[in-house]
C-alpha cells in the first residue's frame, strides 16, 4: 500500500474481512488509519451481496477523481545492486508500517498466541500427517462423486437420455439406416455417453468448491511445498496444480503469478499431469468397468500425477541446465470457516455449464465425424455390419494402433479414442461409445457405474493391466488443444512448448508400457504382447533424455569456465 501511494495515483484502501475482525473482536480505527495513510479507508465484506461496503468504496473512489495523492512515506534512492542497502530500505519501510499498525489496531487475541485454528493447522500441515490426510480427503471426494452419490444422480439423467434416444429412434424408424445411425447412435449415443457422466463431474466440482471455501485447499500448498522445493518448484506451483484439478486451462493460466521464469514454464508444462474434470469420465469409465470401485482408482491417478510432476520437474531442471534453487513461498492462509453451500453450488453450476457447452459443440462435432468415418470406406460406400475394420476411421487409426500394441490396447477403436482425446479428453468416452456401439455406460438398474460389468469389459477385450495402462496413457499424454494453447501463451517459447508436449507424450507412453508389461508379468507370469518393440521404444526415449541431460551439463560447465 505504501508503495502504491508513492506513485501519486489516487488510492482507496479496501479493508476486507471486516466481519472476521468483528468476530475476533479486533478493532481497527479506520479514521485514524485514513489519516495516517493520507487516503480513504473503507471496510468491506467481499462474501456478502448486500451491506458489503462496495457502495462506500465506489463513492470514495469517485470523490478522488482529479485529486492529487500524497505519500506518507517516501523511500530514498536505493542501489538495487547493493544487498545491504536494499535490506536497510525494507527494514525502514516495515518499521513505518508496524508503527501505524500499532496505533490503529487493537486485538483481543495476539498473533503469537495459538488459537483453535493454529491447532488444526498443526495437524493438517504436519510434515508426517499432511499428505496421508490429503490422500484420505481425495479418496472421500472420489468415493462420494463416483461410487456413492454421483452414480445415483447419473441414473436419473441417463434414464432421460435413453427415453429421448428411444423417442427419436421411433420417429426415425423408417429413415435411411445411415441417417438413423448418425443421429441416434452417433450424436445422441456418443454425446449422451459423455453427458451421462455430468452428475459425477458436478458432484466432484461441488466437493472441491467446499474444500476451497473452508480453507483446506490452501493448506495443501503448504503441505506439498517442502516436497516440490526439492525439485526446483515451490508451493507457488501447487496453486496451479490444485486449480488444474477443475480444468487444466485456468490451472496453466494461474502460472503467470510465478515470477521465476524457469519455474513458471516448468509449472505450465507439468500442470496437465493433474487429472482435470474432463478426464474424470475416462477415470470413471475404466474404473467402473474393470475395477468395480472408482474411488481408489481416482485417488491413485491423482497421486500418480503428483509423482509424475515430481519426476518431471527433476528432468526439466536437468535438461534446462538449472540447479534446484530453493525459492521462498509465502502464502496468507485463509481462516477456517463453514463453507458456503450457495457459493459451492454456483461454482458447480458454472463449471458444469462449461462441460455441457463442450459436450454440445466440440464433442458433438467429433462424435458426428467419428460416426461418419466409421460408416464409410474410402470409396464413400456404406460399410456393412461387421466390416468396420475397412472404414475410413479404422484405416486412419490402425497405424497408430500398431504403436499401442506394447501398451496392451493396440486395436483401432482404442487408437481412435486416444486420437480424438487430444481434441478434448471427454471424446475418449464418446468415441468408444460410437466405435463399440455402447450407448450407455451407467447401469440404470444397479444405480451405479458399470462396475465389474463383464459385458462392457468383454466388448473392450482388455485385461485389467491393459485397461489401467490405457487409462494412464489417456490421462498423462498431452492435454486437449485448448490447454496446449494456454501452455503456449504462458511459456512464450516454442522450444519449451514442444519440449513440454514431447515430455508429456513420452511420459504417457512409458508409464503405460511399464504398467501393462509389469502388470501382465505379475498376473500371468510372462511379459505382454509387443514387449521387445516397446522396450526398444522406451530405451530410445531414455537415450534421448540422457543425451539432453549431458548436453545441458556441458553447457553449464562451459558457462562456468567462461565466467571463471
Protein backbone atom coordinates (compact mmCIF):
# COMPACT_ATOMS: atom_id res chain seq x y z
CA UNK A 1 0.00 0.00 0.00
CA UNK A 2 2.78 2.45 0.86
CA UNK A 3 4.46 1.68 -2.47
CA UNK A 4 1.21 2.38 -4.35
CA UNK A 5 0.81 5.68 -2.53
CA UNK A 6 4.33 6.67 -3.61
CA UNK A 7 3.18 6.52 -7.24
CA UNK A 8 0.95 9.54 -6.65
CA UNK A 9 -2.12 7.80 -8.09
CA UNK A 10 -5.39 8.49 -6.19
CA UNK A 11 -5.88 5.45 -3.95
CA UNK A 12 -8.69 3.99 -1.86
CA UNK A 13 -7.87 1.21 0.60
CA UNK A 14 -10.48 -1.57 0.89
CA UNK A 15 -10.13 -3.12 4.35
CA UNK A 16 -11.68 -6.52 3.63
CA UNK A 17 -12.88 -9.24 6.03
CA UNK A 18 -14.26 -6.72 8.49
CA UNK A 19 -16.74 -9.42 9.58
CA UNK A 20 -13.81 -11.68 10.54
CA UNK A 21 -12.23 -8.87 12.55
CA UNK A 22 -15.53 -8.28 14.32
CA UNK A 23 -15.83 -11.97 15.21
CA UNK A 24 -12.29 -11.89 16.62
CA UNK A 25 -13.10 -8.67 18.47
CA UNK A 26 -10.29 -6.96 16.61
CA UNK A 27 -10.85 -3.20 16.36
CA UNK A 28 -9.27 -1.11 13.60
CA UNK A 29 -9.60 2.67 13.77
CA UNK A 30 -10.30 3.33 10.09
CA UNK A 31 -10.48 7.10 10.58
CA UNK A 32 -7.02 7.18 12.15
CA UNK A 33 -5.67 4.76 9.53
CA UNK A 34 -7.05 7.00 6.78
CA UNK A 35 -5.35 9.99 8.39
CA UNK A 36 -2.01 8.17 8.67
CA UNK A 37 -2.07 6.92 5.06
CA UNK A 38 -3.49 10.09 3.57
CA UNK A 39 -6.22 8.26 1.64
CA UNK A 40 -9.75 6.95 2.29
CA UNK A 41 -10.06 3.58 4.06
CA UNK A 42 -13.33 1.64 3.63
CA UNK A 43 -14.32 -1.55 5.44
CA UNK A 44 -15.67 -4.26 3.11
CA UNK A 45 -17.06 -7.80 3.27
CA UNK A 46 -16.50 -9.40 -0.14
CA UNK A 47 -18.51 -12.54 0.65
CA UNK A 48 -21.79 -10.66 1.16
CA UNK A 49 -24.12 -9.46 -1.58
CA UNK A 50 -25.53 -6.59 0.48
CA UNK A 51 -24.14 -4.32 3.19
CA UNK A 52 -20.68 -5.26 1.96
CA UNK A 53 -19.22 -1.75 1.77
CA UNK A 54 -18.98 -1.77 -2.02
CA UNK A 55 -21.13 1.35 -2.44
CA UNK A 56 -19.00 3.30 0.04
CA UNK A 57 -15.87 2.06 -1.73
CA UNK A 58 -17.09 3.24 -5.14
CA UNK A 59 -18.27 6.56 -3.69
CA UNK A 60 -14.85 7.19 -2.15
CA UNK A 61 -13.15 6.35 -5.45
CA UNK A 62 -15.40 8.75 -7.40
CA UNK A 63 -14.69 11.57 -4.96
CA UNK A 64 -10.93 11.21 -5.59
CA UNK A 65 -11.19 11.82 -9.34
CA UNK A 66 -8.88 14.66 -10.33
CA UNK A 67 -7.27 14.95 -6.89
CA UNK A 68 -3.60 14.52 -6.07
CA UNK A 69 -2.32 11.75 -3.85
CA UNK A 70 0.29 12.39 -1.18
CA UNK A 71 2.54 9.66 0.18
CA UNK A 72 3.02 9.28 3.96
CA UNK A 73 6.33 7.53 3.37
CA UNK A 74 8.87 8.00 0.61
CA UNK A 75 11.83 5.76 0.07
CA UNK A 76 15.11 7.41 -0.84
CA UNK A 77 17.02 6.27 -3.89
CA UNK A 78 18.44 2.79 -3.29
CA UNK A 79 21.19 0.98 -5.17
CA UNK A 80 19.36 -2.26 -6.04
CA UNK A 81 22.68 -4.00 -6.65
CA UNK A 82 23.66 -3.38 -3.02
CA UNK A 83 22.03 -6.13 -0.95
CA UNK A 84 22.63 -4.40 2.38
CA UNK A 85 21.15 -1.12 1.11
CA UNK A 86 18.02 -2.92 -0.11
CA UNK A 87 17.61 -4.75 3.21
CA UNK A 88 18.01 -1.50 5.15
CA UNK A 89 15.40 0.23 2.96
CA UNK A 90 12.96 -2.65 3.54
CA UNK A 91 13.62 -2.52 7.28
CA UNK A 92 12.77 1.19 7.40
CA UNK A 93 9.56 0.67 5.41
CA UNK A 94 8.37 -2.18 7.63
CA UNK A 95 9.21 -0.16 10.73
CA UNK A 96 6.98 2.64 9.42
CA UNK A 97 4.16 0.19 8.64
CA UNK A 98 4.42 -1.53 12.03
CA UNK A 99 4.26 1.86 13.70
CA UNK A 100 0.95 2.64 12.01
CA UNK A 101 -0.47 -0.82 12.80
CA UNK A 102 0.36 -0.48 16.49
CA UNK A 103 -1.59 2.79 16.62
CA UNK A 104 -4.75 1.81 14.71
CA UNK A 105 -5.26 -1.86 15.67
CA UNK A 106 -6.36 -3.39 18.94
CA UNK A 107 -6.51 -7.20 19.13
CA UNK A 108 -8.14 -9.35 21.76
CA UNK A 109 -6.05 -12.36 20.66
CA UNK A 110 -2.40 -11.71 19.82
CA UNK A 111 -0.95 -13.34 16.71
CA UNK A 112 1.69 -15.15 18.75
CA UNK A 113 -1.00 -16.78 20.89
CA UNK A 114 -2.25 -20.04 19.42
CA UNK A 115 -5.97 -20.48 18.87
CA UNK A 116 -8.02 -23.45 17.71
CA UNK A 117 -7.20 -22.70 14.04
CA UNK A 118 -3.48 -22.94 14.77
CA UNK A 119 -4.08 -26.29 16.48
CA UNK A 120 -5.93 -27.57 13.41
CA UNK A 121 -3.08 -26.36 11.19
CA UNK A 122 -0.59 -28.22 13.37
CA UNK A 123 -2.33 -31.43 12.28
CA UNK A 124 -3.35 -30.70 8.67
CA UNK A 125 0.02 -29.22 7.69
CA UNK A 126 2.14 -31.64 9.71
CA UNK A 127 5.02 -32.98 7.60
CA UNK A 128 4.10 -36.57 8.52
CA UNK A 129 0.30 -36.36 8.66
CA UNK A 130 -0.40 -33.74 5.97
CA UNK A 131 -0.06 -35.98 2.92
CA UNK A 132 -1.95 -39.01 4.38
CA UNK A 133 -4.79 -36.67 5.39
CA UNK A 134 -4.82 -35.21 1.86
CA UNK A 135 -4.98 -38.76 0.45
CA UNK A 136 -7.97 -39.61 2.66
CA UNK A 137 -9.74 -36.37 1.69
CA UNK A 138 -9.28 -37.02 -2.04
CA UNK A 139 -10.39 -40.65 -1.59
CA UNK A 140 -13.61 -39.43 0.02
CA UNK A 141 -14.14 -36.91 -2.80
CA UNK A 142 -13.86 -39.66 -5.41
CA UNK A 143 -15.86 -42.13 -3.35
CA UNK A 144 -18.79 -39.72 -2.97
CA UNK A 145 -18.67 -38.44 -6.55
CA UNK A 146 -18.05 -41.74 -8.36
CA UNK A 147 -19.21 -44.57 -6.13
CA UNK A 148 -21.90 -43.24 -3.82
CA UNK A 149 -23.90 -40.13 -4.61
CA UNK A 150 -22.73 -39.34 -8.16
CA UNK A 151 -23.97 -42.54 -9.85
CA UNK A 152 -27.34 -42.19 -8.11
CA UNK A 153 -27.81 -38.80 -9.77
CA UNK A 154 -26.39 -40.09 -13.05
CA UNK A 155 -29.04 -42.80 -13.17
CA UNK A 156 -31.80 -40.22 -13.48
CA UNK A 157 -30.01 -38.30 -16.24
CA UNK A 158 -29.17 -41.47 -18.17
CA UNK A 159 -32.80 -42.55 -17.93
CA UNK A 160 -33.88 -39.29 -19.56
CA UNK A 161 -31.25 -39.71 -22.29
CA UNK A 162 -32.45 -43.26 -23.01
CA UNK A 163 -36.06 -42.09 -23.20
CA UNK A 164 -35.09 -39.28 -25.58
CA UNK A 165 -32.96 -41.64 -27.67
CA UNK A 166 -35.82 -44.14 -27.92
CA UNK A 167 -38.28 -41.39 -28.83
CA UNK A 168 -36.04 -40.07 -31.62
CA UNK A 169 -35.38 -43.63 -32.77
CA UNK A 170 -39.13 -44.21 -33.03
CA UNK A 171 -39.57 -41.09 -35.14
CA UNK A 172 -36.76 -42.20 -37.46
CA UNK A 173 -37.82 -45.84 -37.69
CA UNK A 174 -38.37 -45.58 -41.44
CA UNK A 175 -35.42 -43.26 -42.11
CA UNK A 176 -32.30 -44.24 -44.04
CA UNK A 177 -30.09 -46.53 -41.91
CA UNK A 178 -27.14 -44.15 -42.27
CA UNK A 179 -29.16 -41.16 -41.05
CA UNK A 180 -30.55 -43.26 -38.21
CA UNK A 181 -27.06 -44.41 -37.17
CA UNK A 182 -25.67 -40.88 -37.41
CA UNK A 183 -28.32 -39.19 -35.27
CA UNK A 184 -29.46 -41.93 -32.87
CA UNK A 185 -26.21 -43.84 -32.35
CA UNK A 186 -23.55 -41.26 -33.23
CA UNK A 187 -24.86 -37.92 -31.98
CA UNK A 188 -27.30 -38.89 -29.23
CA UNK A 189 -25.49 -42.07 -28.21
CA UNK A 190 -21.98 -40.61 -28.31
CA UNK A 191 -22.79 -37.28 -26.70
CA UNK A 192 -25.17 -38.99 -24.27
CA UNK A 193 -22.38 -41.30 -23.11
CA UNK A 194 -20.33 -38.23 -22.15
CA UNK A 195 -23.24 -36.25 -20.68
CA UNK A 196 -24.18 -39.30 -18.62
CA UNK A 197 -21.09 -38.63 -16.50
CA UNK A 198 -22.09 -34.99 -15.89
CA UNK A 199 -23.53 -35.64 -12.39
CA UNK A 200 -20.28 -37.31 -11.33
CA UNK A 201 -18.28 -34.33 -12.58
CA UNK A 202 -20.61 -31.80 -10.93
CA UNK A 203 -20.55 -33.61 -7.58
CA UNK A 204 -16.75 -33.56 -7.66
CA UNK A 205 -16.76 -29.85 -8.54
CA UNK A 206 -19.14 -29.19 -5.64
CA UNK A 207 -16.94 -31.04 -3.14
CA UNK A 208 -13.75 -29.33 -4.38
CA UNK A 209 -15.50 -25.94 -4.06
CA UNK A 210 -16.42 -26.77 -0.45
CA UNK A 211 -12.80 -27.67 0.31
CA UNK A 212 -11.60 -24.43 -1.26
CA UNK A 213 -14.16 -22.30 0.57
CA UNK A 214 -13.46 -23.80 4.00
CA UNK A 215 -9.75 -23.02 3.62
CA UNK A 216 -8.36 -26.55 3.33
CA UNK A 217 -7.01 -26.43 -0.23
CA UNK A 218 -4.69 -23.54 0.68
CA UNK A 219 -3.15 -25.83 3.30
CA UNK A 220 -2.39 -28.39 0.59
CA UNK A 221 0.06 -25.87 -0.89
CA UNK A 222 1.86 -25.69 2.45
CA UNK A 223 1.95 -29.50 2.77
CA UNK A 224 3.42 -30.05 -0.71
CA UNK A 225 5.79 -27.06 -0.68
CA UNK A 226 8.73 -28.89 1.02
CA UNK A 227 8.43 -31.75 -1.48
CA UNK A 228 8.35 -29.56 -4.57
CA UNK A 229 11.24 -27.42 -3.32
CA UNK A 230 13.45 -30.49 -3.65
CA UNK A 231 12.85 -30.48 -7.43
CA UNK A 232 13.13 -26.75 -8.08
CA UNK A 233 9.45 -25.87 -7.66
CA UNK A 234 7.65 -24.41 -4.65
CA UNK A 235 4.25 -24.02 -3.06
CA UNK A 236 3.57 -21.34 -5.67
CA UNK A 237 3.42 -24.15 -8.23
CA UNK A 238 0.98 -26.13 -6.10
CA UNK A 239 -1.73 -23.49 -6.60
CA UNK A 240 -1.88 -24.01 -10.42
CA UNK A 241 -1.84 -27.78 -9.84
CA UNK A 242 -4.80 -27.53 -7.44
CA UNK A 243 -6.71 -25.23 -9.79
CA UNK A 244 -5.93 -27.65 -12.61
CA UNK A 245 -7.97 -30.38 -10.92
CA UNK A 246 -11.05 -28.49 -12.12
CA UNK A 247 -9.72 -27.61 -15.57
CA UNK A 248 -6.17 -27.59 -16.88
CA UNK A 249 -6.61 -24.29 -18.73
CA UNK A 250 -7.15 -21.98 -15.71
CA UNK A 251 -4.53 -24.04 -13.87
CA UNK A 252 -1.97 -23.26 -16.57
CA UNK A 253 -3.06 -19.62 -16.70
CA UNK A 254 -2.52 -19.37 -12.92
CA UNK A 255 1.19 -19.95 -13.57
CA UNK A 256 1.58 -16.29 -14.53
CA UNK A 257 1.62 -15.42 -10.81
CA UNK A 258 5.02 -17.18 -10.55
CA UNK A 259 7.78 -14.61 -11.06
CA UNK A 260 10.64 -17.01 -11.73
CA UNK A 261 10.54 -17.68 -15.48
CA UNK A 262 12.00 -21.18 -15.29
CA UNK A 263 9.63 -22.20 -12.52
CA UNK A 264 6.66 -20.68 -14.35
CA UNK A 265 7.41 -22.55 -17.58
CA UNK A 266 8.07 -25.82 -15.76
CA UNK A 267 4.80 -25.49 -13.83
CA UNK A 268 2.82 -24.77 -17.02
CA UNK A 269 4.43 -27.81 -18.63
CA UNK A 270 3.64 -30.13 -15.71
CA UNK A 271 0.18 -28.84 -14.69
CA UNK A 272 -1.68 -31.10 -17.22
CA UNK A 273 -0.45 -34.17 -15.31
CA UNK A 274 -3.10 -33.43 -12.65
CA UNK A 275 -6.37 -35.17 -13.67
CA UNK A 276 -8.91 -32.46 -14.52
CA UNK A 277 -12.70 -32.58 -14.78
CA UNK A 278 -12.51 -33.52 -18.46
CA UNK A 279 -10.56 -36.66 -17.54
CA UNK A 280 -12.98 -37.69 -14.81
CA UNK A 281 -15.39 -39.51 -17.21
CA UNK A 282 -12.42 -41.51 -18.54
CA UNK A 283 -11.36 -42.43 -14.99
CA UNK A 284 -14.93 -43.31 -14.03
CA UNK A 285 -15.44 -45.43 -17.16
CA UNK A 286 -12.34 -47.60 -16.84
CA UNK A 287 -12.52 -47.81 -13.05
CA UNK A 288 -16.18 -48.81 -13.13
CA UNK A 289 -15.88 -51.37 -15.92
CA UNK A 290 -12.66 -53.10 -14.89
CA UNK A 291 -12.15 -52.45 -11.17
CA UNK A 292 -15.60 -52.16 -9.65
CA UNK A 293 -14.61 -49.29 -7.35
CA UNK A 294 -13.88 -45.94 -8.93
CA UNK A 295 -12.84 -44.20 -5.72
CA UNK A 296 -9.43 -45.81 -5.13
CA UNK A 297 -8.58 -45.66 -8.83
CA UNK A 298 -9.33 -41.93 -8.96
CA UNK A 299 -7.24 -41.29 -5.86
CA UNK A 300 -4.40 -43.35 -7.35
CA UNK A 301 -4.50 -41.28 -10.55
CA UNK A 302 -4.25 -38.06 -8.54
CA UNK A 303 -1.18 -39.20 -6.63
CA UNK A 304 0.33 -40.71 -9.77
CA UNK A 305 0.01 -37.23 -11.27
CA UNK A 306 1.83 -35.72 -8.27
CA UNK A 307 4.65 -38.29 -8.60
CA UNK A 308 4.96 -37.56 -12.34
CA UNK A 309 5.11 -33.83 -11.60
CA UNK A 310 7.91 -34.50 -9.12
CA UNK A 311 9.91 -36.64 -11.58
CA UNK A 312 9.10 -34.32 -14.49
CA UNK A 313 10.38 -31.28 -12.57
CA UNK A 314 13.67 -33.09 -11.93
CA UNK A 315 14.06 -33.85 -15.64
CA UNK A 316 13.07 -30.34 -16.75
CA UNK A 317 15.61 -28.73 -14.42
CA UNK A 318 18.30 -31.18 -15.50
CA UNK A 319 17.63 -30.78 -19.23
CA UNK A 320 17.28 -27.00 -18.94
CA UNK A 321 20.62 -26.86 -17.13
CA UNK A 322 19.32 -25.32 -13.92
CA UNK A 323 20.27 -26.25 -10.40
CA UNK A 324 17.47 -26.87 -7.92
CA UNK A 325 17.44 -23.40 -6.43
CA UNK A 326 15.05 -23.23 -3.50
CA UNK A 327 12.57 -20.38 -3.80
CA UNK A 328 10.71 -18.75 -0.95
CA UNK A 329 7.00 -19.45 -0.64
CA UNK A 330 4.82 -17.09 1.36
CA UNK A 331 1.05 -17.53 1.46
CA UNK A 332 -1.64 -15.99 3.63
CA UNK A 333 -3.66 -18.92 4.91
CA UNK A 334 -7.37 -18.07 4.98
CA UNK A 335 -9.37 -18.50 8.15
CA UNK A 336 -11.15 -21.81 8.61
CA UNK A 337 -14.86 -21.27 8.19
CA UNK A 338 -18.04 -23.12 7.42
CA UNK A 339 -18.17 -23.40 3.61
CA UNK A 340 -20.98 -21.64 1.79
CA UNK A 341 -23.29 -24.16 0.10
CA UNK A 342 -24.57 -21.38 -2.15
CA UNK A 343 -21.12 -20.43 -3.44
CA UNK A 344 -20.19 -24.09 -3.89
CA UNK A 345 -23.43 -24.68 -5.81
CA UNK A 346 -22.81 -21.66 -8.05
CA UNK A 347 -19.23 -22.79 -8.71
CA UNK A 348 -20.51 -26.28 -9.54
CA UNK A 349 -23.13 -24.89 -11.94
CA UNK A 350 -20.60 -22.64 -13.66
CA UNK A 351 -18.16 -25.47 -14.28
CA UNK A 352 -20.96 -27.89 -15.14
CA UNK A 353 -22.33 -25.48 -17.74
CA UNK A 354 -18.89 -25.26 -19.35
CA UNK A 355 -18.91 -29.09 -19.52
CA UNK A 356 -22.34 -29.07 -21.18
CA UNK A 357 -21.27 -26.42 -23.71
CA UNK A 358 -18.25 -28.52 -24.64
CA UNK A 359 -20.47 -31.60 -24.99
CA UNK A 360 -22.82 -29.67 -27.28
CA UNK A 361 -20.07 -28.29 -29.51
CA UNK A 362 -16.66 -29.96 -29.67
CA UNK A 363 -17.79 -33.42 -28.56
CA UNK A 364 -20.89 -33.28 -30.77
CA UNK A 365 -18.80 -32.44 -33.84
CA UNK A 366 -16.19 -35.09 -33.03
CA UNK A 367 -18.75 -37.85 -32.49
CA UNK A 368 -20.53 -36.88 -35.70
CA UNK A 369 -17.25 -37.08 -37.61
CA UNK A 370 -16.36 -40.40 -35.94
CA UNK A 371 -19.75 -41.90 -36.83
CA UNK A 372 -19.46 -40.78 -40.46
CA UNK A 373 -15.88 -42.06 -40.82
CA UNK A 374 -16.89 -45.36 -39.24
CA UNK A 375 -19.86 -45.72 -41.61
CA UNK A 376 -17.99 -45.21 -44.91
CA UNK A 377 -14.92 -46.60 -46.63
CA UNK A 378 -12.56 -44.53 -48.80
CA UNK A 379 -14.83 -45.15 -51.83
CA UNK A 380 -17.59 -43.48 -49.77
CA UNK A 381 -19.63 -46.65 -49.79
CA UNK A 382 -21.65 -47.62 -46.75
CA UNK A 383 -19.87 -50.19 -44.56
CA UNK A 384 -21.71 -53.42 -43.96
CA UNK A 385 -22.22 -54.59 -40.38
CA UNK A 386 -19.18 -56.45 -39.11
CA UNK A 387 -16.85 -54.83 -41.65
CA UNK A 388 -15.99 -51.72 -39.60
CA UNK A 389 -12.27 -52.50 -39.94
CA UNK A 390 -12.49 -51.37 -43.59
CA UNK A 391 -13.89 -47.95 -42.66
CA UNK A 392 -12.13 -44.61 -43.03
CA UNK A 393 -11.81 -44.34 -39.25
CA UNK A 394 -10.24 -47.78 -38.91
CA UNK A 395 -7.74 -47.15 -41.72
CA UNK A 396 -6.62 -43.88 -40.08
CA UNK A 397 -6.42 -45.31 -36.57
CA UNK A 398 -4.81 -48.68 -37.40
CA UNK A 399 -1.24 -47.34 -37.96
CA UNK A 400 -1.43 -45.67 -34.54
CA UNK A 401 -2.84 -48.88 -33.06
CA UNK A 402 0.38 -50.69 -34.03
CA UNK A 403 2.29 -48.26 -31.80
CA UNK A 404 -0.04 -49.12 -28.91
CA UNK A 405 0.42 -52.91 -29.05
CA UNK A 406 3.25 -52.85 -26.44
CA UNK A 407 0.84 -50.96 -24.18
CA UNK A 408 -1.81 -53.69 -24.32
CA UNK A 409 -4.56 -51.90 -26.25
CA UNK A 410 -3.35 -51.95 -29.84
CA UNK A 411 -6.76 -52.00 -31.55
CA UNK A 412 -8.03 -49.31 -33.89
CA UNK A 413 -11.01 -48.43 -31.67
CA UNK A 414 -8.77 -47.55 -28.71
CA UNK A 415 -6.36 -45.72 -31.01
CA UNK A 416 -9.22 -43.65 -32.45
CA UNK A 417 -10.39 -42.77 -28.94
CA UNK A 418 -6.87 -41.68 -27.95
CA UNK A 419 -6.57 -39.50 -31.07
CA UNK A 420 -9.89 -37.72 -30.50
CA UNK A 421 -8.89 -37.35 -26.86
CA UNK A 422 -6.22 -34.87 -27.92
CA UNK A 423 -9.05 -32.58 -29.07
CA UNK A 424 -10.96 -32.97 -25.80
CA UNK A 425 -10.43 -35.74 -23.25
CA UNK A 426 -14.18 -36.33 -22.94
CA UNK A 427 -14.04 -37.54 -26.55
CA UNK A 428 -12.38 -40.75 -25.35
CA UNK A 429 -15.66 -41.87 -23.80
CA UNK A 430 -17.78 -40.63 -26.71
CA UNK A 431 -15.58 -42.27 -29.35
CA UNK A 432 -15.56 -45.61 -27.51
CA UNK A 433 -19.35 -45.43 -27.27
CA UNK A 434 -19.64 -44.89 -31.04
CA UNK A 435 -16.97 -47.41 -32.07
CA UNK A 436 -18.24 -50.22 -29.83
CA UNK A 437 -21.93 -49.33 -30.08
CA UNK A 438 -22.31 -48.93 -26.31
CA UNK A 439 -24.89 -46.19 -25.80
CA UNK A 440 -24.87 -46.18 -22.00
CA UNK A 441 -22.03 -46.59 -19.53
CA UNK A 442 -24.28 -46.19 -16.48
CA UNK A 443 -26.16 -49.24 -15.15
CA UNK A 444 -29.64 -47.83 -14.57
CA UNK A 445 -30.81 -50.93 -12.72
CA UNK A 446 -27.89 -51.09 -10.29
CA UNK A 447 -27.83 -47.29 -9.84
CA UNK A 448 -24.07 -47.38 -10.25
CA UNK A 449 -21.29 -47.30 -12.77
CA UNK A 450 -20.94 -50.45 -14.83
CA UNK A 451 -18.76 -51.81 -12.03
CA UNK A 452 -17.33 -55.22 -12.92
CA UNK A 453 -19.60 -55.41 -15.96
CA UNK A 454 -18.47 -58.49 -17.87
CA UNK A 455 -20.50 -57.33 -20.87
CA UNK A 456 -18.74 -54.00 -21.40
CA UNK A 457 -15.36 -55.36 -20.30
CA UNK A 458 -15.84 -58.18 -22.80
CA UNK A 459 -16.63 -55.69 -25.57
CA UNK A 460 -13.44 -53.75 -24.83
CA UNK A 461 -11.50 -57.06 -24.65
CA UNK A 462 -8.80 -55.71 -22.32
CA UNK A 463 -7.11 -57.28 -19.34
CA UNK A 464 -7.03 -55.26 -16.12
CA UNK A 465 -3.36 -54.46 -16.69
CA UNK A 466 -4.11 -53.25 -20.22
CA UNK A 467 -7.12 -51.25 -19.00
CA UNK A 468 -5.04 -49.48 -16.36
CA UNK A 469 -2.34 -48.80 -18.96
CA UNK A 470 -4.94 -47.40 -21.37
CA UNK A 471 -6.36 -45.17 -18.64
CA UNK A 472 -2.94 -43.79 -17.68
CA UNK A 473 -1.97 -43.25 -21.32
CA UNK A 474 -5.06 -41.11 -21.93
CA UNK A 475 -4.54 -39.19 -18.67
CA UNK A 476 -0.84 -38.41 -18.92
CA UNK A 477 -0.28 -37.81 -22.64
CA UNK A 478 -0.69 -34.19 -23.91
CA UNK A 479 -3.95 -32.49 -22.87
CA UNK A 480 -6.61 -31.00 -25.13
CA UNK A 481 -5.74 -28.44 -27.83
CA UNK A 482 -7.13 -25.59 -25.72
CA UNK A 483 -4.79 -26.47 -22.84
CA UNK A 484 -1.84 -26.65 -25.24
CA UNK A 485 -2.80 -23.17 -26.45
CA UNK A 486 -2.75 -21.97 -22.83
CA UNK A 487 0.69 -23.55 -22.39
CA UNK A 488 1.93 -21.66 -25.44
CA UNK A 489 0.64 -18.32 -24.14
CA UNK A 490 2.26 -18.82 -20.72
CA UNK A 491 5.60 -20.19 -21.93
CA UNK A 492 6.06 -17.72 -24.81
CA UNK A 493 8.73 -20.01 -26.22
CA UNK A 494 8.19 -22.63 -28.93
CA UNK A 495 11.15 -24.71 -27.76
CA UNK A 496 9.66 -25.01 -24.26
CA UNK A 497 6.20 -25.72 -25.72
CA UNK A 498 7.34 -28.58 -27.93
CA UNK A 499 9.58 -29.81 -25.15
CA UNK A 500 6.55 -29.94 -22.87
CA UNK A 501 4.45 -31.81 -25.43
CA UNK A 502 7.31 -34.25 -26.01
CA UNK A 503 7.74 -34.79 -22.26
CA UNK A 504 4.01 -35.47 -21.81
CA UNK A 505 3.86 -37.89 -24.76
CA UNK A 506 6.98 -39.76 -23.65
CA UNK A 507 5.72 -39.92 -20.06
CA UNK A 508 2.29 -41.26 -21.02
CA UNK A 509 3.77 -43.89 -23.34
CA UNK A 510 6.46 -45.02 -20.88
CA UNK A 511 4.09 -45.24 -17.91
CA UNK A 512 1.51 -47.20 -19.93
CA UNK A 513 4.22 -49.60 -21.17
CA UNK A 514 5.54 -50.25 -17.66
CA UNK A 515 2.07 -50.68 -16.16
CA UNK A 516 0.95 -53.16 -18.84
CA UNK A 517 4.14 -55.21 -19.05
CA UNK A 518 4.81 -55.37 -15.30
CA UNK A 519 1.12 -55.95 -14.56
CA UNK A 520 0.97 -58.78 -17.10
CA UNK A 521 4.16 -60.31 -15.69
CA UNK A 522 2.72 -60.28 -12.17
CA UNK A 523 -0.71 -61.63 -13.13
CA UNK A 524 0.18 -64.08 -15.93
CA UNK A 525 3.83 -64.89 -15.24
CA UNK A 526 5.03 -63.56 -18.61
CA UNK A 527 5.51 -60.28 -20.42
CA UNK A 528 2.71 -58.93 -22.57
CA UNK A 529 2.42 -58.68 -26.35
CA UNK A 530 4.95 -56.40 -28.03
CA UNK A 531 7.40 -56.36 -25.13
CA UNK A 532 10.56 -56.18 -27.28
CA UNK A 533 9.38 -53.36 -29.63
CA UNK A 534 8.04 -51.44 -26.64
CA UNK A 535 11.29 -51.90 -24.74
CA UNK A 536 13.21 -50.54 -27.73
CA UNK A 537 10.88 -47.51 -27.91
CA UNK A 538 11.24 -46.78 -24.18
CA UNK A 539 15.02 -47.27 -24.42
CA UNK A 540 15.12 -44.70 -27.23
CA UNK A 541 13.16 -42.27 -25.06
CA UNK A 542 15.59 -42.86 -22.19
CA UNK A 543 18.57 -42.36 -24.52
CA UNK A 544 17.18 -39.02 -25.71
CA UNK A 545 16.69 -37.89 -22.10
CA UNK A 546 20.25 -38.91 -21.16
CA UNK A 547 21.63 -37.10 -24.21
CA UNK A 548 19.74 -33.90 -23.39
CA UNK A 549 20.90 -34.04 -19.75
CA UNK A 550 24.55 -34.49 -20.75
CA UNK A 551 24.22 -31.71 -23.31
CA UNK A 552 22.84 -29.40 -20.62
CA UNK A 553 25.70 -30.36 -18.26
CA UNK A 554 28.18 -29.48 -21.00
CA UNK A 555 26.62 -26.05 -21.47
CA UNK A 556 26.71 -25.42 -17.70
CA UNK A 557 30.40 -26.38 -17.48
CA UNK A 558 31.25 -24.19 -20.49
CA UNK A 559 29.42 -21.24 -18.95
CA UNK A 560 31.20 -21.84 -15.62
CA UNK A 561 34.64 -21.85 -17.29
CA UNK A 562 33.78 -18.70 -19.24
CA UNK A 563 32.69 -17.00 -16.02
CA UNK A 564 35.87 -18.06 -14.27
